[in-house]
């Protein structure tokens, strides 16, 4: 899978933090029911890796990926668990090389022009701006459009349902990442219907 392919399934990639492995399948099913099939499950909790494995094993229609990849070992363990793509908060050539060796498409995080140039040198042209709002957001992406015309972005970090259309309206933005699709309180209470509704709402964002 080409990394860009993950952006073709919808305007929003949910950034998912799971505390209990037993929530993984109903959460993934709720997102799928709302038409969101690309799922980034982060390694921010101990439940992350077994949750990826559970989703990959039971829901092949989901394109489950791993987030918060910090090193080669994270990439290896996630690939073995069934992750189909990787997302990192920053970029190092070591992580890029590890993912390439695993045939694991990587969406690497960048926050500076130098990081973009490093990723470009390693053959990566679809990048995650992170943390988007904190580092400059829309004005920064507009500034990068000219010197980095070959690069497209998935901004993530601080983006909301209200601000997502502004990002998606930029020509160098393919999709956005957002945690608002999977609110912690909805997961805790098992309010899967709410998550399905939030997923459905994303489909109208690009034209908003």
Protein backbone atom coordinates (compact mmCIF):
# COMPACT_ATOMS: atom_id res chain seq x y z
CA UNK A 1 0.00 0.00 0.00
CA UNK A 2 1.27 3.43 -0.93
CA UNK A 3 1.11 5.81 2.07
CA UNK A 4 -1.06 8.19 0.05
CA UNK A 5 -3.68 5.45 -0.28
CA UNK A 6 -4.75 5.88 3.33
CA UNK A 7 -5.98 9.37 2.43
CA UNK A 8 -8.29 8.11 -0.31
CA UNK A 9 -10.83 6.53 2.05
CA UNK A 10 -12.14 9.69 3.69
CA UNK A 11 -11.21 13.17 4.91
CA UNK A 12 -10.45 12.21 8.53
CA UNK A 13 -8.17 9.60 10.08
CA UNK A 14 -9.26 9.05 13.69
CA UNK A 15 -6.42 9.18 16.21
CA UNK A 16 -7.46 6.51 18.68
CA UNK A 17 -6.32 6.01 22.27
CA UNK A 18 -7.58 2.77 23.80
CA UNK A 19 -7.27 2.04 27.53
CA UNK A 20 -9.08 -1.32 27.54
CA UNK A 21 -8.51 -3.98 24.91
CA UNK A 22 -12.15 -5.07 25.21
CA UNK A 23 -13.18 -1.69 23.75
CA UNK A 24 -11.15 -2.18 20.56
CA UNK A 25 -13.61 -4.21 18.50
CA UNK A 26 -16.84 -2.35 19.36
CA UNK A 27 -15.02 0.95 18.79
CA UNK A 28 -13.71 -0.15 15.40
CA UNK A 29 -17.14 -1.50 14.46
CA UNK A 30 -18.74 1.82 15.41
CA UNK A 31 -16.32 3.73 13.18
CA UNK A 32 -16.84 1.29 10.31
CA UNK A 33 -20.61 1.68 10.68
CA UNK A 34 -20.11 5.40 10.18
CA UNK A 35 -18.07 4.83 7.04
CA UNK A 36 -14.62 5.43 8.53
CA UNK A 37 -12.34 2.49 7.72
CA UNK A 38 -8.82 3.89 8.21
CA UNK A 39 -8.04 3.66 11.93
CA UNK A 40 -4.89 4.91 13.62
CA UNK A 41 -4.53 3.14 16.98
CA UNK A 42 -1.80 4.81 19.01
CA UNK A 43 0.81 3.16 21.19
CA UNK A 44 0.16 5.66 23.98
CA UNK A 45 -1.27 2.96 26.25
CA UNK A 46 -0.39 -0.70 26.93
CA UNK A 47 -3.68 -1.66 25.25
CA UNK A 48 -2.59 -0.20 21.91
CA UNK A 49 -0.71 -3.16 20.46
CA UNK A 50 -3.19 -5.91 21.48
CA UNK A 51 -6.02 -3.69 20.22
CA UNK A 52 -4.36 -3.45 16.80
CA UNK A 53 -4.01 -7.23 16.78
CA UNK A 54 -7.67 -7.75 17.73
CA UNK A 55 -8.94 -5.37 15.03
CA UNK A 56 -6.64 -6.77 12.34
CA UNK A 57 -7.68 -10.33 13.15
CA UNK A 58 -11.44 -9.82 13.45
CA UNK A 59 -12.21 -6.91 11.12
CA UNK A 60 -10.26 -7.32 7.86
CA UNK A 61 -12.40 -4.62 6.24
CA UNK A 62 -10.76 -2.07 8.56
CA UNK A 63 -7.43 -0.54 7.53
CA UNK A 64 -5.83 -0.49 10.95
CA UNK A 65 -2.58 1.34 11.46
CA UNK A 66 -0.29 2.13 14.36
CA UNK A 67 0.32 5.61 15.75
CA UNK A 68 3.01 7.02 18.03
CA UNK A 69 5.79 4.99 16.40
CA UNK A 70 9.00 6.24 17.99
CA UNK A 71 11.55 3.66 16.91
CA UNK A 72 12.22 0.58 14.79
CA UNK A 73 11.01 -1.79 17.52
CA UNK A 74 7.61 -0.06 17.68
CA UNK A 75 7.28 -0.51 13.92
CA UNK A 76 8.30 -4.17 14.05
CA UNK A 77 5.92 -5.09 16.86
CA UNK A 78 3.02 -3.27 15.23
CA UNK A 79 3.68 -4.91 11.88
CA UNK A 80 3.68 -8.32 13.56
CA UNK A 81 0.37 -7.42 15.22
CA UNK A 82 -1.20 -6.72 11.84
CA UNK A 83 -0.84 -2.96 11.39
CA UNK A 84 -1.11 -1.95 7.73
CA UNK A 85 0.48 1.48 8.06
CA UNK A 86 2.47 3.47 10.63
CA UNK A 87 2.29 7.05 11.85
CA UNK A 88 5.06 8.78 13.80
CA UNK A 89 4.97 12.09 15.70
CA UNK A 90 8.32 13.10 14.19
CA UNK A 91 10.72 11.70 11.63
CA UNK A 92 14.08 9.97 11.77
CA UNK A 93 15.75 8.07 8.96
CA UNK A 94 16.00 5.08 11.33
CA UNK A 95 12.22 4.88 11.61
CA UNK A 96 11.85 5.44 7.88
CA UNK A 97 14.33 2.67 7.09
CA UNK A 98 12.68 0.26 9.53
CA UNK A 99 9.24 0.80 8.01
CA UNK A 100 10.63 0.43 4.51
CA UNK A 101 12.25 -2.86 5.49
CA UNK A 102 8.94 -4.09 6.91
CA UNK A 103 7.01 -2.90 3.84
CA UNK A 104 4.96 -0.83 6.28
CA UNK A 105 3.77 2.47 4.74
CA UNK A 106 4.81 5.38 6.94
CA UNK A 107 3.10 8.73 7.51
CA UNK A 108 5.82 10.64 9.39
CA UNK A 109 5.30 13.72 11.50
CA UNK A 110 7.08 16.98 10.65
CA UNK A 111 7.03 20.42 12.21
CA UNK A 112 9.88 22.21 10.41
CA UNK A 113 11.22 22.73 6.90
CA UNK A 114 14.36 20.78 7.79
CA UNK A 115 12.29 17.74 8.77
CA UNK A 116 10.43 17.95 5.46
CA UNK A 117 13.74 18.02 3.61
CA UNK A 118 14.96 14.97 5.54
CA UNK A 119 11.76 13.06 4.71
CA UNK A 120 12.01 14.12 1.05
CA UNK A 121 15.59 12.87 0.89
CA UNK A 122 14.30 9.48 2.06
CA UNK A 123 11.61 9.42 -0.63
CA UNK A 124 8.61 10.43 1.49
CA UNK A 125 6.21 13.04 0.10
CA UNK A 126 3.02 12.51 2.17
CA UNK A 127 3.67 13.85 5.66
CA UNK A 128 1.83 14.58 8.88
CA UNK A 129 2.02 18.14 10.19
CA UNK A 130 2.16 17.66 13.96
CA UNK A 131 1.17 19.20 16.28
CA UNK A 132 -0.64 21.19 13.63
CA UNK A 133 -2.33 23.96 15.62
CA UNK A 134 0.63 24.47 17.96
CA UNK A 135 3.24 24.88 15.22
CA UNK A 136 1.39 27.22 12.91
CA UNK A 137 -1.49 25.32 11.33
CA UNK A 138 -3.05 26.79 8.21
CA UNK A 139 -0.64 29.76 7.77
CA UNK A 140 2.33 27.37 7.97
CA UNK A 141 0.84 24.98 5.41
CA UNK A 142 0.18 27.89 3.07
CA UNK A 143 3.78 29.04 3.46
CA UNK A 144 5.10 25.58 2.65
CA UNK A 145 2.98 25.17 -0.50
CA UNK A 146 5.46 26.99 -2.72
CA UNK A 147 8.87 25.63 -1.62
CA UNK A 148 7.47 22.13 -1.05
CA UNK A 149 5.03 21.84 -3.92
CA UNK A 150 5.60 18.08 -4.22
CA UNK A 151 4.55 17.47 -0.61
CA UNK A 152 1.03 16.80 0.68
CA UNK A 153 -0.02 16.74 4.30
CA UNK A 154 -2.26 15.19 6.92
CA UNK A 155 -2.39 17.85 9.65
CA UNK A 156 -2.99 16.40 13.11
CA UNK A 157 -3.07 17.91 16.57
CA UNK A 158 -5.66 20.32 17.91
CA UNK A 159 -7.95 20.01 14.89
CA UNK A 160 -11.69 19.89 15.58
CA UNK A 161 -14.88 19.21 13.68
CA UNK A 162 -15.26 22.99 13.33
CA UNK A 163 -11.74 23.70 12.03
CA UNK A 164 -11.23 20.60 9.87
CA UNK A 165 -12.94 22.10 6.76
CA UNK A 166 -10.48 25.02 6.81
CA UNK A 167 -7.57 22.59 6.61
CA UNK A 168 -9.25 20.36 4.05
CA UNK A 169 -9.77 23.38 1.80
CA UNK A 170 -6.00 23.75 1.30
CA UNK A 171 -4.65 22.21 -1.94
CA UNK A 172 -1.70 20.56 -0.16
CA UNK A 173 -3.89 18.81 2.46
CA UNK A 174 -5.18 15.34 1.61
CA UNK A 175 -6.85 14.55 4.93
CA UNK A 176 -6.67 15.46 8.61
CA UNK A 177 -6.14 13.45 11.76
CA UNK A 178 -8.44 13.96 14.69
CA UNK A 179 -9.18 12.56 18.11
CA UNK A 180 -12.66 14.11 18.26
CA UNK A 181 -14.17 11.04 16.54
CA UNK A 182 -13.41 8.87 19.56
CA UNK A 183 -14.07 10.90 22.73
CA UNK A 184 -12.69 9.26 25.86
CA UNK A 185 -16.00 9.57 27.71
CA UNK A 186 -17.89 7.89 24.86
CA UNK A 187 -15.44 4.98 24.85
CA UNK A 188 -15.61 4.64 28.64
CA UNK A 189 -19.41 4.55 28.62
CA UNK A 190 -19.69 2.36 25.53
CA UNK A 191 -21.64 5.01 23.63
CA UNK A 192 -20.86 3.47 20.26
CA UNK A 193 -23.84 5.14 18.58
CA UNK A 194 -22.31 8.55 19.33
CA UNK A 195 -19.03 7.49 17.73
CA UNK A 196 -20.83 6.17 14.65
CA UNK A 197 -22.61 9.53 14.31
CA UNK A 198 -19.33 11.44 14.64
CA UNK A 199 -17.84 9.21 11.95
CA UNK A 200 -20.78 9.88 9.63
CA UNK A 201 -20.37 13.62 10.07
CA UNK A 202 -16.84 13.53 8.65
CA UNK A 203 -18.03 12.72 5.13
CA UNK A 204 -19.44 16.20 4.62
CA UNK A 205 -16.33 18.02 5.83
CA UNK A 206 -14.43 18.34 2.57
CA UNK A 207 -17.28 20.23 0.96
CA UNK A 208 -18.08 22.28 4.04
